[in-house]
Amino acid sequence: MTIDETSGPKLPSPELHVEVTQFYARQMHRMDGGDFGGFAASFVQDSVFRPAGGGELRGPEAIERAARGAAGRFGGAQPRHWFDMMTVEEADDGTVSTSYYATVTVASADGSVLVEPTCFVRDTLVRVDGALRSRSRDIERDDLTVRALTEG
C-alpha cells in the first residue's frame, strides 16, 4: 500500500515546525517550573482553554488560576509535560493548527514516578507582534474517551 503524500494538509516549513516546537518547550518549561503567570501569558486575551473532563477557561487570568490550582495536587513532586506525534498546519491567514499526544509524568522525592493518563490535544496558535501565542486548547484524556466509547 502506498500513501499519497500530495493529498491532505500541506507540510509546514522546517522553520515553522521548529518555531512551534520551541514555543511549546518554553510554554511547558514555565508550567513545570511553577511560572504560572508566564505560562498564562503565552495565551491571547480572548483565549479559550478546554481542559480534559469538561469546563472552559477564558483568558490568561482564568488559565493562570487553574494552573496554580492544578499544581497543588502534585504535593511538591515535579511534573513534566511531554508532547509528541505533533502535526502542524498553517492556514493562509497565518493561523497555526496543531495536534499532538501529551502526557505528564510526576517525579517524587522518593524516586517514584507517576504517569498521568495520556491525552490528545488540539491547539490554535496565532501571532501577536510576530510571536506565537495560544488562542485555543482542547484536551481529551484518552481514558475518558475510551470509557465513553465503551459505555456509550
Protein backbone atom coordinates (compact mmCIF):
# COMPACT_ATOMS: atom_id res chain seq x y z
CA MET A 1 0.00 0.00 0.00
CA THR A 2 1.34 3.43 -0.88
CA ILE A 3 0.48 6.69 0.83
CA ASP A 4 -0.45 9.64 -1.36
CA GLU A 5 1.68 12.45 0.09
CA THR A 6 0.13 15.01 -2.29
CA SER A 7 -3.35 14.91 -0.75
CA GLY A 8 -4.20 16.33 2.64
CA PRO A 9 -2.70 19.24 4.52
CA LYS A 10 0.43 20.98 3.30
CA LEU A 11 3.53 20.24 5.35
CA PRO A 12 4.82 23.17 7.41
CA SER A 13 8.16 24.74 6.61
CA PRO A 14 11.02 23.39 8.72
CA GLU A 15 11.31 26.86 10.27
CA LEU A 16 7.65 26.89 11.35
CA HIS A 17 7.90 23.37 12.77
CA VAL A 18 10.94 24.37 14.86
CA GLU A 19 9.24 27.61 15.95
CA VAL A 20 6.16 25.68 17.13
CA THR A 21 8.28 23.08 18.92
CA GLN A 22 10.25 25.83 20.69
CA PHE A 23 7.03 27.64 21.60
CA TYR A 24 5.71 24.53 23.36
CA ALA A 25 9.06 23.87 25.06
CA ARG A 26 9.10 27.39 26.54
CA GLN A 27 5.42 27.19 27.47
CA MET A 28 5.78 23.87 29.31
CA HIS A 29 9.10 24.82 30.95
CA ARG A 30 7.19 27.73 32.51
CA MET A 31 4.35 25.49 33.65
CA ASP A 32 6.63 22.78 35.05
CA GLY A 33 8.85 25.40 36.70
CA GLY A 34 5.94 26.98 38.56
CA ASP A 35 5.86 30.18 36.46
CA PHE A 36 2.08 30.10 36.04
CA GLY A 37 1.91 33.76 35.10
CA GLY A 38 4.44 33.19 32.32
CA PHE A 39 2.53 30.11 31.17
CA ALA A 40 -0.74 32.06 31.08
CA ALA A 41 0.94 34.96 29.24
CA SER A 42 1.53 32.60 26.30
CA PHE A 43 -2.26 32.73 25.68
CA VAL A 44 -4.01 35.66 23.97
CA GLN A 45 -6.56 37.75 25.87
CA ASP A 46 -9.58 36.11 24.20
CA SER A 47 -8.19 32.58 24.50
CA VAL A 48 -10.32 29.54 25.31
CA PHE A 49 -8.85 26.56 27.18
CA ARG A 50 -10.96 23.40 27.45
CA PRO A 51 -9.32 21.01 29.93
CA ALA A 52 -9.90 17.27 29.92
CA GLY A 53 -13.03 16.31 31.77
CA GLY A 54 -15.01 19.39 30.81
CA GLY A 55 -15.30 23.06 31.53
CA GLU A 56 -13.93 26.08 29.78
CA LEU A 57 -11.40 28.70 30.83
CA ARG A 58 -11.49 32.08 29.11
CA GLY A 59 -8.46 34.37 29.07
CA PRO A 60 -4.99 34.25 30.65
CA GLU A 61 -6.18 35.16 34.15
CA ALA A 62 -8.53 32.16 34.36
CA ILE A 63 -5.85 29.92 32.85
CA GLU A 64 -3.30 31.09 35.42
CA ARG A 65 -5.68 30.49 38.35
CA ALA A 66 -6.49 26.99 37.09
CA ALA A 67 -2.81 26.13 36.51
CA ARG A 68 -1.92 27.23 40.06
CA GLY A 69 -4.78 25.18 41.46
CA ALA A 70 -3.90 22.09 39.44
CA ALA A 71 -0.26 22.25 40.51
CA GLY A 72 -1.31 21.87 44.14
CA ARG A 73 -2.34 18.29 43.51
CA PHE A 74 1.30 17.31 42.92
CA GLY A 75 2.20 17.97 46.57
CA GLY A 76 5.76 19.14 45.98
CA ALA A 77 6.55 16.50 43.33
CA GLN A 78 7.99 17.59 39.96
CA PRO A 79 5.63 17.41 36.96
CA ARG A 80 6.94 17.26 33.40
CA HIS A 81 4.73 17.72 30.35
CA TRP A 82 5.69 15.65 27.29
CA PHE A 83 4.36 16.33 23.76
CA ASP A 84 4.91 14.05 20.76
CA MET A 85 3.46 12.97 17.41
CA MET A 86 2.75 16.59 16.53
CA THR A 87 1.06 17.84 13.39
CA VAL A 88 1.45 21.47 12.35
CA GLU A 89 -0.70 23.16 9.70
CA GLU A 90 -0.60 26.82 8.73
CA ALA A 91 -3.66 28.49 7.21
CA ASP A 92 -3.45 31.24 4.60
CA ASP A 93 -4.23 33.83 7.31
CA GLY A 94 -1.19 32.70 9.35
CA THR A 95 -3.19 30.80 11.98
CA VAL A 96 -1.39 27.61 13.01
CA SER A 97 -3.33 24.48 13.98
CA THR A 98 -1.54 21.75 15.88
CA SER A 99 -2.49 18.39 17.29
CA TYR A 100 -0.33 16.16 19.44
CA TYR A 101 -0.24 13.45 22.06
CA ALA A 102 0.59 14.58 25.58
CA THR A 103 1.32 13.01 28.92
CA VAL A 104 2.51 14.24 32.27
CA THR A 105 4.99 12.45 34.48
CA VAL A 106 5.32 13.36 38.14
CA ALA A 107 8.57 12.54 39.96
CA SER A 108 8.57 12.35 43.76
CA ALA A 109 11.49 12.76 46.15
CA ASP A 110 11.33 9.02 46.96
CA GLY A 111 12.20 8.20 43.33
CA SER A 112 8.72 7.09 42.33
CA VAL A 113 7.24 8.37 39.08
CA LEU A 114 3.54 8.66 38.36
CA VAL A 115 2.42 8.70 34.73
CA GLU A 116 -0.82 10.61 34.25
CA PRO A 117 -3.36 9.43 31.62
CA THR A 118 -2.35 10.23 28.07
CA CYS A 119 -4.17 12.94 26.14
CA PHE A 120 -4.90 14.12 22.62
CA VAL A 121 -4.59 17.90 22.32
CA ARG A 122 -5.67 20.32 19.60
CA ASP A 123 -4.41 23.92 19.65
CA THR A 124 -4.83 27.01 17.56
CA LEU A 125 -1.86 29.39 17.60
CA VAL A 126 -1.81 32.98 16.34
CA ARG A 127 0.88 35.62 16.04
CA VAL A 128 0.98 38.64 18.32
CA ASP A 129 3.73 41.10 17.47
CA GLY A 130 5.39 38.34 15.43
CA ALA A 131 5.45 35.77 18.26
CA LEU A 132 3.25 32.68 18.56
CA ARG A 133 0.54 32.66 21.24
CA SER A 134 -2.19 30.12 22.06
CA ARG A 135 -5.71 31.12 21.07
CA SER A 136 -7.37 27.83 21.96
CA ARG A 137 -6.55 24.48 23.52
CA ASP A 138 -8.80 21.42 23.66
CA ILE A 139 -7.58 18.47 25.73
CA GLU A 140 -9.13 15.00 25.52
CA ARG A 141 -7.95 12.39 28.03
CA ASP A 142 -7.62 9.02 26.34
CA ASP A 143 -9.01 7.05 29.28
CA LEU A 144 -12.16 9.20 29.35
CA THR A 145 -12.57 8.86 25.59
CA VAL A 146 -12.23 5.08 25.75
CA ARG A 147 -14.66 4.90 28.68
CA ALA A 148 -17.24 6.97 26.79
CA LEU A 149 -16.88 4.74 23.73
CA THR A 150 -17.26 1.51 25.68
CA GLU A 151 -20.14 2.74 27.85
CA GLY A 152 -22.00 4.53 25.08
